[in-house]
Protein backbone atom coordinates (compact mmCIF):
# COMPACT_ATOMS: atom_id res chain seq x y z
CA MET A 1 84.11 51.94 52.55
CA ALA A 2 87.83 51.26 52.12
CA GLN A 3 90.13 51.33 49.17
CA VAL A 4 91.88 48.00 48.77
CA PRO A 5 95.68 48.16 49.12
CA LYS A 6 96.21 45.76 46.19
CA ILE A 7 94.36 43.67 43.63
CA ASP A 8 95.45 40.12 42.80
CA SER A 9 95.89 38.96 39.23
CA ASN A 10 93.68 35.93 39.85
CA ILE A 11 90.53 38.06 39.97
CA THR A 12 91.13 39.69 36.61
CA GLY A 13 89.31 38.55 33.49
CA LEU A 14 89.55 38.91 29.73
CA ALA A 15 86.84 39.07 27.08
CA TYR A 16 86.52 40.31 23.51
CA ALA A 17 83.79 41.43 21.14
CA GLU A 18 83.92 41.96 17.39
CA GLU A 19 83.43 45.56 16.35
CA ALA A 20 80.84 46.77 13.85
CA SER A 21 83.20 49.48 12.63
CA LEU A 22 86.78 50.28 13.52
CA GLY A 23 86.81 51.21 17.21
CA LEU A 24 83.03 50.94 17.58
CA LEU A 25 81.00 48.04 18.91
CA PRO A 26 77.48 47.30 17.71
CA GLY A 27 75.22 49.82 19.44
CA GLU A 28 77.92 52.52 19.62
CA GLY A 29 78.22 55.63 17.47
CA GLY A 30 74.72 55.27 16.10
CA LEU A 31 75.35 51.72 14.87
CA GLY A 32 72.70 49.09 15.39
CA GLY A 33 72.99 45.74 17.08
CA THR A 34 74.30 44.35 20.35
CA PRO A 35 77.90 43.27 20.95
CA VAL A 36 78.59 39.60 21.57
CA TRP A 37 81.23 39.25 24.29
CA LYS A 38 83.24 36.05 24.54
CA ARG A 39 85.42 35.07 27.46
CA LEU A 40 89.08 34.09 27.22
CA ASN A 41 91.16 32.31 29.84
CA PRO A 42 94.72 33.57 29.37
CA ASN A 43 97.71 32.07 31.12
CA SER A 44 99.71 35.30 31.05
CA TYR A 45 99.88 38.71 29.42
CA SER A 46 102.48 40.55 27.42
CA ASP A 47 102.27 44.35 27.34
CA PHE A 48 98.58 45.29 27.47
CA GLY A 49 97.23 48.83 27.28
CA GLY A 50 98.41 52.18 26.00
CA GLU A 51 101.98 53.41 25.97
CA ILE A 52 101.99 57.18 26.32
CA ILE A 53 104.75 58.95 24.42
CA THR A 54 105.91 62.29 25.82
CA VAL A 55 108.36 64.87 24.56
CA ALA A 56 110.01 67.21 27.07
CA PRO A 57 110.70 70.77 25.95
CA ASN A 58 114.37 71.57 26.28
CA PRO A 59 114.80 75.29 25.66
CA ILE A 60 118.12 77.01 25.93
CA ASN A 61 118.08 78.58 29.39
CA PRO A 62 120.57 79.46 32.16
CA SER A 63 118.99 77.02 34.69
CA ARG A 64 120.07 74.02 32.60
CA GLN A 65 116.84 72.18 33.56
CA ARG A 66 114.30 70.35 31.48
CA ARG A 67 110.60 71.06 31.59
CA LYS A 68 107.84 68.51 32.07
CA GLY A 69 107.14 66.35 29.04
CA VAL A 70 104.06 66.86 26.87
CA THR A 71 101.96 63.94 25.63
CA THR A 72 102.49 63.56 21.89
CA ASP A 73 101.42 60.03 21.01
CA LEU A 74 99.77 56.82 22.16
CA ASN A 75 100.69 53.28 21.12
CA ALA A 76 97.89 50.86 22.00
CA SER A 77 98.66 47.16 21.92
CA GLY A 78 98.32 44.00 23.94
CA GLY A 79 98.93 40.31 24.00
CA PHE A 80 98.37 37.14 25.93
CA ASN A 81 99.23 33.44 26.06
CA HIS A 82 96.33 30.97 25.92
CA SER A 83 96.17 27.19 26.18
CA LEU A 84 94.93 25.47 23.02
CA THR A 85 91.79 23.34 22.89
CA TYR A 86 89.70 22.22 19.93
CA GLU A 87 87.49 25.27 19.50
CA ASN A 88 88.32 27.82 22.20
CA LEU A 89 90.23 30.04 19.76
CA SER A 90 88.66 29.18 16.39
CA ASP A 91 86.47 32.29 16.37
CA MET A 92 89.38 34.66 16.99
CA MET A 93 91.52 32.82 14.45
CA GLN A 94 89.22 34.24 11.77
CA GLY A 95 90.65 37.64 12.67
CA VAL A 96 94.18 36.27 12.43
CA PHE A 97 93.57 34.83 8.95
CA PHE A 98 91.55 37.86 7.73
CA ALA A 99 88.93 35.35 6.57
CA ASP A 100 85.61 33.70 7.35
CA ILE A 101 85.56 30.05 8.33
CA ARG A 102 84.19 27.90 5.50
CA ALA A 103 81.74 26.06 7.70
CA GLN A 104 79.69 22.95 7.10
CA ALA A 105 75.96 23.31 7.74
CA GLU A 106 74.95 23.93 11.34
CA GLU A 107 71.37 24.92 12.13
CA THR A 108 69.33 25.42 15.28
CA VAL A 109 66.95 22.55 16.03
CA THR A 110 63.47 23.55 17.18
CA ALA A 111 62.31 20.02 18.09
CA VAL A 112 63.26 16.35 17.91
CA ASP A 113 60.35 14.18 16.79
CA THR A 114 60.05 10.39 17.00
CA ASP A 115 56.46 9.79 15.88
CA THR A 116 55.51 6.41 14.46
CA VAL A 117 54.50 7.74 11.03
CA ASN A 118 57.82 9.28 9.96
CA PRO A 119 61.44 8.36 10.73
CA ASP A 120 63.13 10.07 13.67
CA GLU A 121 63.80 13.66 12.73
CA TYR A 122 65.43 16.93 13.71
CA GLU A 123 63.15 19.85 12.90
CA ILE A 124 65.05 22.83 11.45
CA ALA A 125 63.99 25.88 9.46
CA ASP A 126 66.72 25.75 6.80
CA THR A 127 67.77 22.43 5.28
CA SER A 128 69.75 23.86 2.35
CA GLY A 129 73.13 22.69 3.69
CA TYR A 130 72.14 19.05 4.23
CA LEU A 131 72.25 16.06 1.86
CA VAL A 132 70.82 12.58 2.03
CA GLY A 133 73.80 10.49 3.07
CA ASN A 134 75.32 13.20 5.25
CA LEU A 135 76.60 12.24 8.67
CA VAL A 136 75.16 14.69 11.17
CA MET A 137 75.78 15.21 14.86
CA GLY A 138 73.53 16.89 17.38
CA LYS A 139 75.02 19.28 19.92
CA ASN A 140 73.83 20.50 23.32
CA PHE A 141 70.68 18.36 23.56
CA VAL A 142 69.39 17.16 26.92
CA ASN A 143 69.19 13.54 25.76
CA ALA A 144 72.56 12.02 24.90
CA ALA A 145 71.06 9.99 22.04
CA ASN A 146 70.28 13.21 20.19
CA ASN A 147 73.95 14.22 20.34
CA ALA A 148 75.09 11.09 18.49
CA VAL A 149 76.28 10.79 14.89
CA ASN A 150 73.63 9.55 12.43
CA LYS A 151 73.19 9.20 8.68
CA VAL A 152 70.59 11.40 6.98
CA THR A 153 67.98 9.18 5.33
CA ALA A 154 65.60 11.85 4.03
CA ILE A 155 65.08 15.61 4.00
CA VAL A 156 61.80 17.53 4.03
CA ALA A 157 62.81 20.90 2.63
CA ASN A 158 63.03 23.57 5.33
CA ILE A 159 61.12 21.39 7.76
CA SER A 160 63.20 18.42 8.93
CA VAL A 161 66.30 16.27 8.55
CA GLU A 162 65.43 12.61 9.07
CA VAL A 163 67.51 9.70 10.35
CA ALA A 164 66.73 6.03 10.94
CA ASP A 165 63.97 4.98 13.33
CA GLY A 166 64.96 4.37 16.92
CA GLN A 167 68.01 6.64 16.94
CA LEU A 168 66.60 9.72 18.68
CA VAL A 169 64.67 10.65 21.81
CA ALA A 170 61.81 13.13 21.55
CA GLU A 171 62.58 16.68 22.70
CA ALA A 172 59.72 19.08 22.10
CA SER A 173 61.70 22.10 23.33
CA PRO A 174 65.45 21.58 23.04
CA PRO A 175 67.88 24.06 24.63
CA ALA A 176 68.30 27.29 22.68
CA ASN A 177 71.83 26.31 21.67
CA ALA A 178 70.87 22.85 20.37
CA VAL A 179 72.10 22.50 16.79
CA LEU A 180 72.56 19.90 14.06
CA LYS A 181 76.03 19.87 12.46
CA VAL A 182 77.18 18.15 9.26
CA VAL A 183 80.34 16.15 10.07
CA GLY A 184 80.70 13.87 7.05
CA TYR A 185 79.15 11.52 4.53
CA GLU A 186 78.39 7.78 4.46
CA PHE A 187 78.57 6.01 1.10
CA ASP A 188 76.02 3.41 0.11
CA ASP A 189 76.95 -0.26 0.25
CA ALA A 190 79.90 -1.05 -2.09
CA ASP A 191 79.77 2.51 -3.47
CA ALA A 192 83.11 3.98 -2.33
CA VAL A 193 86.07 3.32 -4.65
CA ILE A 194 89.80 4.02 -4.35
CA ASP A 195 91.26 4.57 -7.82
CA VAL A 196 95.08 4.44 -7.98
CA SER A 197 95.43 4.41 -11.77
CA GLY A 198 96.67 8.01 -11.90
CA ASN A 199 99.63 9.81 -10.35
CA LEU A 200 97.72 10.36 -7.10
CA PRO A 201 94.91 8.29 -5.55
CA ARG A 202 91.28 9.29 -5.93
CA LEU A 203 88.12 8.57 -3.96
CA THR A 204 85.28 7.97 -6.42
CA SER A 205 81.80 6.47 -6.42
CA ASN A 206 80.10 3.57 -8.16
CA GLY A 207 77.11 5.84 -8.73
CA GLY A 208 75.64 6.53 -5.32
CA LEU A 209 77.26 9.95 -4.99
CA ALA A 210 76.67 11.72 -8.28
CA ASP A 211 78.55 14.94 -7.50
CA PHE A 212 81.41 15.19 -5.00
CA THR A 213 81.39 18.99 -5.22
CA THR A 214 78.10 19.02 -3.29
CA LEU A 215 80.01 17.96 -0.14
CA GLY A 216 81.47 21.45 0.18
CA LEU A 217 85.12 20.36 0.27
CA VAL A 218 88.08 22.45 -0.93
CA PRO A 219 91.68 21.71 -2.01
CA GLY A 220 94.06 21.71 0.93
CA GLN A 221 91.37 20.50 3.33
CA TRP A 222 91.89 17.36 5.38
CA VAL A 223 89.38 14.51 5.67
CA TYR A 224 89.23 11.28 7.62
CA ILE A 225 88.23 8.00 5.93
CA GLY A 226 86.83 5.13 7.99
CA GLY A 227 84.90 4.50 11.18
CA ASP A 228 84.89 2.54 14.40
CA VAL A 229 83.25 -0.54 12.88
CA THR A 230 84.69 -2.68 10.10
CA ALA A 231 81.80 -1.99 7.73
CA ASN A 232 82.58 1.75 7.71
CA SER A 233 86.27 1.35 6.75
CA PHE A 234 88.14 0.10 3.71
CA SER A 235 89.60 -3.40 3.99
CA ASP A 236 93.15 -2.13 3.48
CA ALA A 237 94.21 0.06 6.41
CA ALA A 238 96.29 2.26 4.10
CA ASN A 239 93.08 3.66 2.61
CA ASN A 240 91.76 4.77 5.99
CA GLY A 241 92.84 7.65 8.20
CA PHE A 242 93.57 11.32 7.58
CA LYS A 243 94.11 12.45 3.97
CA ARG A 244 94.68 15.86 2.38
CA ILE A 245 92.67 16.90 -0.66
CA ARG A 246 94.60 18.05 -3.74
CA ALA A 247 91.56 18.52 -5.99
CA VAL A 248 87.77 18.15 -5.96
CA ALA A 249 85.84 17.26 -9.11
CA THR A 250 82.32 16.12 -9.85
CA ASP A 251 83.42 12.49 -10.12
CA GLY A 252 85.81 12.30 -7.19
CA ILE A 253 88.43 13.65 -4.79
CA THR A 254 92.19 13.49 -5.36
CA PHE A 255 94.47 13.04 -2.33
CA ASP A 256 98.09 14.13 -2.06
CA LYS A 257 98.86 13.39 1.61
CA SER A 258 98.38 10.10 3.43
CA ASP A 259 100.17 8.17 6.18
CA SER A 260 100.65 5.24 3.79
CA ALA A 261 100.48 4.68 0.05
CA MET A 262 96.85 3.99 -0.82
CA VAL A 263 95.80 0.86 -2.75
CA GLY A 264 93.05 0.19 -5.25
CA ASP A 265 89.59 -0.82 -4.03
CA ALA A 266 86.68 -1.27 -6.47
CA GLY A 267 84.00 -1.20 -3.78
CA ILE A 268 83.17 -4.24 -1.68
CA ALA A 269 79.73 -5.50 -0.70
CA GLY A 270 79.05 -4.96 2.98
CA LYS A 271 81.17 -1.80 3.10
CA THR A 272 79.41 1.52 3.79
CA ILE A 273 82.49 3.73 3.93
CA ARG A 274 82.41 6.84 6.09
CA LEU A 275 84.10 10.10 5.12
CA PHE A 276 84.48 12.68 7.89
CA TYR A 277 85.26 16.34 7.26
CA GLY A 278 84.85 19.69 8.94
CA ASP A 279 85.22 23.44 8.75
CA VAL A 280 88.11 25.14 6.98
CA LEU A 281 89.97 28.34 7.78
CA ARG A 282 92.66 29.61 5.44
CA ASN A 283 94.10 32.93 4.37
CA GLU A 284 91.95 34.02 1.46
CA THR A 285 92.56 36.14 -1.62
CA GLY A 286 90.69 38.93 -3.39
CA SER A 287 87.16 39.72 -2.26
CA LEU A 288 87.21 36.90 0.30
CA ILE A 289 89.70 38.78 2.50
CA ARG A 290 87.85 40.17 5.52
CA ARG A 291 89.38 42.28 8.26
CA ARG A 292 87.96 41.93 11.76
CA THR A 293 88.60 44.40 14.57
CA TYR A 294 87.88 43.93 18.25
CA ASN A 295 87.30 45.50 21.61
CA ILE A 296 89.40 43.51 24.08
CA GLU A 297 88.63 44.24 27.72
CA ARG A 298 90.59 43.18 30.78
CA THR A 299 88.71 43.53 34.07
CA LEU A 300 90.85 44.63 37.00
CA GLY A 301 88.74 43.92 40.08
CA ALA A 302 86.98 46.26 42.49
CA PRO A 303 88.99 49.09 44.07
CA ASP A 304 86.57 49.38 47.01
CA ASP A 305 85.94 46.34 49.20
CA ALA A 306 82.54 47.75 50.17
CA SER A 307 81.41 47.59 46.53
CA PRO A 308 82.81 44.32 45.16
CA SER A 309 80.46 44.37 42.18
CA GLN A 310 81.80 47.69 40.92
CA ILE A 311 84.62 46.56 38.66
CA GLN A 312 87.21 48.64 36.85
CA SER A 313 88.72 47.68 33.52
CA GLU A 314 90.93 48.63 30.60
CA VAL A 315 89.97 48.24 26.95
CA LEU A 316 91.87 47.96 23.69
CA LYS A 317 89.79 49.49 20.89
CA GLY A 318 90.20 48.90 17.18
CA ALA A 319 92.40 45.89 17.94
CA VAL A 320 93.66 43.81 15.01
CA PRO A 321 95.53 40.49 15.43
CA ASN A 322 99.14 41.04 14.48
CA GLU A 323 101.32 38.11 15.53
CA VAL A 324 100.22 34.62 16.58
CA SER A 325 102.45 31.71 17.58
CA PHE A 326 101.41 28.08 18.04
CA ASN A 327 103.75 26.61 20.66
CA ILE A 328 104.28 22.84 20.81
CA PRO A 329 106.86 22.12 23.52
CA GLN A 330 107.91 18.68 24.71
CA ALA A 331 105.81 17.05 27.47
CA ASP A 332 103.66 20.13 28.08
CA LEU A 333 100.44 21.81 27.03
CA ALA A 334 100.12 23.30 23.57
CA SER A 335 99.51 27.04 23.69
CA VAL A 336 99.05 30.09 21.48
CA ASP A 337 100.58 33.56 21.88
CA PHE A 338 98.50 36.46 20.52
CA THR A 339 99.54 40.08 20.04
CA PHE A 340 97.26 42.87 18.83
CA VAL A 341 97.82 46.34 17.44
CA ALA A 342 95.02 48.74 18.43
CA THR A 343 94.03 52.28 17.54
CA ASP A 344 93.23 53.39 21.11
CA ASN A 345 92.81 52.24 24.68
CA GLU A 346 90.41 53.23 27.42
CA GLN A 347 90.43 53.03 31.23
CA ARG A 348 87.05 52.55 32.87
CA ASP A 349 86.64 53.26 36.58
CA SER A 350 84.45 51.25 38.91
CA ALA A 351 81.60 53.77 38.74
CA THR A 352 81.46 53.43 34.97
CA GLY A 353 81.99 49.67 35.03
CA PRO A 354 83.14 47.26 32.33
CA LYS A 355 81.76 47.32 28.80
CA GLN A 356 81.27 43.55 28.65
CA THR A 357 77.83 42.09 29.41
CA ASN A 358 76.31 38.61 29.06
CA VAL A 359 79.74 37.17 28.36
CA GLN A 360 79.72 33.77 26.65
CA ASP A 361 81.94 31.15 28.25
CA PRO A 362 84.08 29.01 25.94
CA VAL A 363 82.97 25.46 25.20
CA ALA A 364 84.31 23.19 27.93
CA ALA A 365 87.21 21.14 26.59
CA THR A 366 90.45 19.67 27.81
CA GLU A 367 93.67 21.32 26.69
CA TYR A 368 95.85 19.58 24.12
CA ASN A 369 98.92 17.99 25.66
CA THR A 370 101.93 17.42 23.47
CA SER A 371 102.62 13.85 24.62
CA SER A 372 99.38 12.11 23.66
CA ASP A 373 97.24 14.55 21.64
CA ILE A 374 99.55 15.18 18.68
CA GLY A 375 98.48 12.85 15.88
CA ARG A 376 101.49 13.60 13.75
CA ILE A 377 104.04 16.28 12.87
CA ARG A 378 105.15 15.51 9.34
CA LEU A 379 107.67 17.37 7.22
CA ALA A 380 108.12 15.84 3.77
CA ALA A 381 108.91 16.73 0.18
CA VAL A 382 106.07 18.02 -1.97
CA SER A 383 105.11 15.40 -4.54
CA ASP A 384 102.72 15.17 -7.48
CA VAL A 385 103.12 11.40 -7.73
CA ASP A 386 103.44 10.12 -4.16
CA GLU A 387 100.85 10.74 -1.45
CA ALA A 388 103.10 9.24 1.25
CA PRO A 389 106.71 10.39 0.67
CA THR A 390 109.28 9.51 3.31
CA ALA A 391 109.23 11.98 6.19
CA LEU A 392 112.39 14.02 6.77
CA PHE A 393 112.42 12.99 10.44
CA ALA A 394 110.60 10.68 12.84
CA TYR A 395 110.36 12.73 16.04
CA VAL A 396 110.69 16.34 17.18
CA THR A 397 111.51 17.85 20.56
CA GLU A 398 109.61 21.09 19.98
CA ALA A 399 107.88 23.03 17.24
CA THR A 400 106.49 26.52 16.69
CA ILE A 401 104.37 28.01 13.91
CA ASN A 402 104.32 31.81 13.69
CA ILE A 403 101.81 33.96 11.80
CA ASN A 404 102.55 37.64 11.25
CA ASN A 405 100.08 40.06 9.66
CA ASN A 406 102.65 42.89 9.79
CA VAL A 407 100.05 45.31 11.14
CA THR A 408 101.15 48.92 11.61
CA PRO A 409 99.14 51.78 13.14
CA ASN A 410 98.31 54.75 10.91
CA LYS A 411 99.24 58.01 12.64
CA ALA A 412 98.12 61.53 11.69
CA VAL A 413 98.31 65.10 12.90
CA GLY A 414 95.42 65.80 15.25
CA VAL A 415 95.01 62.16 16.29
CA LEU A 416 96.20 60.72 19.60
CA GLY A 417 96.78 57.07 18.88
CA ALA A 418 95.94 55.85 15.38
CA PHE A 419 93.03 56.55 13.05
CA ASP A 420 93.39 53.14 11.37
CA VAL A 421 95.82 50.27 10.88
CA THR A 422 97.40 48.76 7.78
CA ALA A 423 97.95 45.03 7.36
CA GLY A 424 101.08 44.03 5.50
CA THR A 425 102.16 40.71 4.00
CA PHE A 426 100.67 37.57 5.56
CA GLU A 427 103.79 35.75 6.70
CA VAL A 428 103.96 32.25 8.15
CA SER A 429 107.18 30.84 9.54
CA GLY A 430 108.27 28.35 12.13
CA GLU A 431 110.99 26.54 13.98
CA LEU A 432 111.33 22.94 14.97
CA THR A 433 114.00 20.72 16.43
CA ALA A 434 114.06 17.13 15.17
CA TYR A 435 116.02 14.06 16.11
CA PHE A 436 118.57 13.47 13.37
CA SER A 437 118.50 10.10 11.58
CA ASN A 438 119.77 10.77 8.04
CA VAL A 439 121.01 13.64 5.90
CA ALA A 440 117.81 13.99 3.85
CA ALA A 441 116.66 17.02 5.85
CA THR A 442 120.01 18.82 5.61
CA GLN A 443 120.11 18.09 1.88
CA ALA A 444 116.60 19.56 1.55
CA VAL A 445 117.91 22.77 3.12
CA ARG A 446 120.90 22.93 0.77
CA ASN A 447 118.79 22.13 -2.30
CA ASN A 448 116.04 24.59 -1.33
CA SER A 449 113.59 21.73 -1.88
CA ASP A 450 109.82 22.22 -1.94
CA VAL A 451 108.63 20.88 1.41
CA THR A 452 105.27 20.71 3.16
CA LEU A 453 104.39 20.56 6.87
CA ASP A 454 101.29 19.42 8.73
CA ILE A 455 100.55 19.10 12.44
CA SER A 456 97.46 17.31 13.75
CA PHE A 457 95.82 17.49 17.17
CA VAL A 458 93.36 14.70 18.03
CA LYS A 459 91.40 14.48 21.28
CA ASP A 460 87.94 13.42 22.52
CA ASN A 461 86.62 12.55 19.03
CA THR A 462 87.59 15.94 17.60
CA ALA A 463 90.60 16.94 15.54
CA MET A 464 92.39 20.04 14.29
CA ILE A 465 95.04 19.98 11.55
CA ILE A 466 97.34 22.86 10.63
CA ASP A 467 98.71 22.54 7.10
CA LEU A 468 101.39 24.55 5.28
CA PRO A 469 101.33 23.44 1.61
CA LEU A 470 104.72 24.86 0.62
CA ILE A 471 107.73 25.85 2.73
CA SER A 472 111.45 26.35 2.34
CA LEU A 473 113.83 25.17 5.03
CA GLY A 474 116.64 27.05 6.74
CA ASP A 475 119.32 26.49 9.37
CA GLY A 476 119.87 22.70 9.28
CA ARG A 477 123.16 22.70 11.20
CA LEU A 478 123.39 19.58 13.35
CA ASN A 479 123.61 19.97 17.10
CA VAL A 480 126.08 17.39 18.45
CA GLU A 481 126.65 17.27 22.21
CA VAL A 482 128.34 14.71 24.42
CA ASP A 483 126.06 11.94 25.72
CA GLN A 484 123.07 13.34 23.81
CA PRO A 485 121.25 12.32 20.62
CA ILE A 486 122.05 14.43 17.58
CA THR A 487 119.35 17.01 16.91
CA LEU A 488 118.56 19.10 13.87
CA PRO A 489 117.17 22.63 14.30
CA LEU A 490 115.20 23.79 11.27
CA SER A 491 113.52 27.05 10.37
CA THR A 492 110.58 27.13 8.00
CA ASP A 493 109.29 29.91 5.75
CA ALA A 494 105.91 29.24 4.19
CA ALA A 495 104.72 30.49 0.82
CA SER A 496 101.54 30.26 -1.21
CA GLY A 497 100.92 26.73 -2.44
CA GLN A 498 100.01 28.02 -5.91
CA ASP A 499 103.43 26.87 -7.15
CA VAL A 500 102.40 23.32 -6.16
CA SER A 501 98.89 23.61 -7.58
CA THR A 502 96.79 26.59 -8.60
CA ASP A 503 94.08 25.14 -6.34
CA LEU A 504 96.34 25.55 -3.28
CA ASP A 505 96.61 29.35 -3.37
CA HIS A 506 96.96 29.79 0.37
CA THR A 507 99.87 29.89 2.81
CA ALA A 508 98.24 28.19 5.80
CA LEU A 509 95.04 26.22 6.32
CA ILE A 510 93.38 24.80 9.43
CA THR A 511 90.77 22.03 9.29
CA TYR A 512 88.46 21.70 12.30
CA PHE A 513 86.72 18.33 12.69
CA ASP A 514 83.70 18.48 15.01
CA TYR A 515 83.79 14.69 15.04
CA VAL A 516 86.23 11.95 14.15
CA PRO A 517 85.82 8.29 15.14
CA SER A 518 87.71 6.90 18.11
CA ALA A 519 89.95 5.05 15.65
CA ALA A 520 91.51 8.39 14.73
């Protein structure tokens, strides 16, 4: 038995679990349930733990010496930097946005059946979130064919979701995490229509889709139109690609953002247009606001080399996400900085051991790189009549989006640490540096123009789009240096999009696409 002289940072670990009540995990304090621990893979830490505040008595005395300080307060907080992939941080981002993800249907599959009497089918217990015509994708099946994207041809209520014959491979007992996810909708032949008769283009139907509201889409959400085969895309390329929804009605969807101006299409025979969409996370209002608190535990290795399995750790309790920054540097990996304000912290020795058990690893995915995985960074004027206004710049050298919940700990007499925390205004801001090409951007700063920003990440047939519906610009002073291109630093302050449209009453929105075609 020997105490180790040091512990390397490489053997530390980080995991978090959502609390059932402030400071208490499921199963603690008489609460029911079992905590679900999820692993994180941080690149670095900012201050993590508890800062002890002491006050030293300083009585008037002839020795002119101070006495030892007395503990009077505890400030618990922590932070870390984490590389960004498609879904490694989406769960924790719910805590950042004080909201639940508005998710498309995803249900556990109990079996995959390919009998000769019925079409190929996924057997699930709850079919309420699925429609005939939906595009669905299997996840985590043993057979690759069952993880493909297929169109729903029929539904047997609360029994099965059926696809065309010959698409699936029988699996009587799929893995426990095998699920069926809605990723879009495929229109019938010649059914999808682009109507450009109004101020903004609309996607409508020739009768095959009776009610667009059944798709579960919301204003501000992004969708992708088209597929990897000609039959699944509109003939005019301008009608395909990523689009932002301005409004959803029974008879169609209105778009207010597009790479190019869309053109009319009445529906062409031989065209079964595909519409891909995903889950939505946005800051909510009213009763939809939901605060999440966490235990965040950092393991610190074993202090005794004779007992390597006895691990010590430190825990932040009652932790609430405070500040988050999306970092998009040039020729590097995209990353996210998190900071938390907590009510307390705890040190756990090796005899006690860590709190975390059965920790779930994140879904394996490659990090976003900022050279080839950024679909677009577009800053443009808000418009009610033009879905593709001229961008204020063509290229940027770096960009950052900052979210601040303005969380403060609530202190009280008789409490070491905090008894609760208060969340302030949900603030979203940012900075970017663009290559200067014309004075439109500087004029937008001077005129305090209504501007909107979106940033898309696309990789491995998935996509994530961050959208700020309304921002004001600041700075805008050109940077002119010898032998260098002129650059334009800009600051952005986001506001609720309700001044653009009452349907856009949010400050920031993220759309997560579980699947987009390779053409994206």
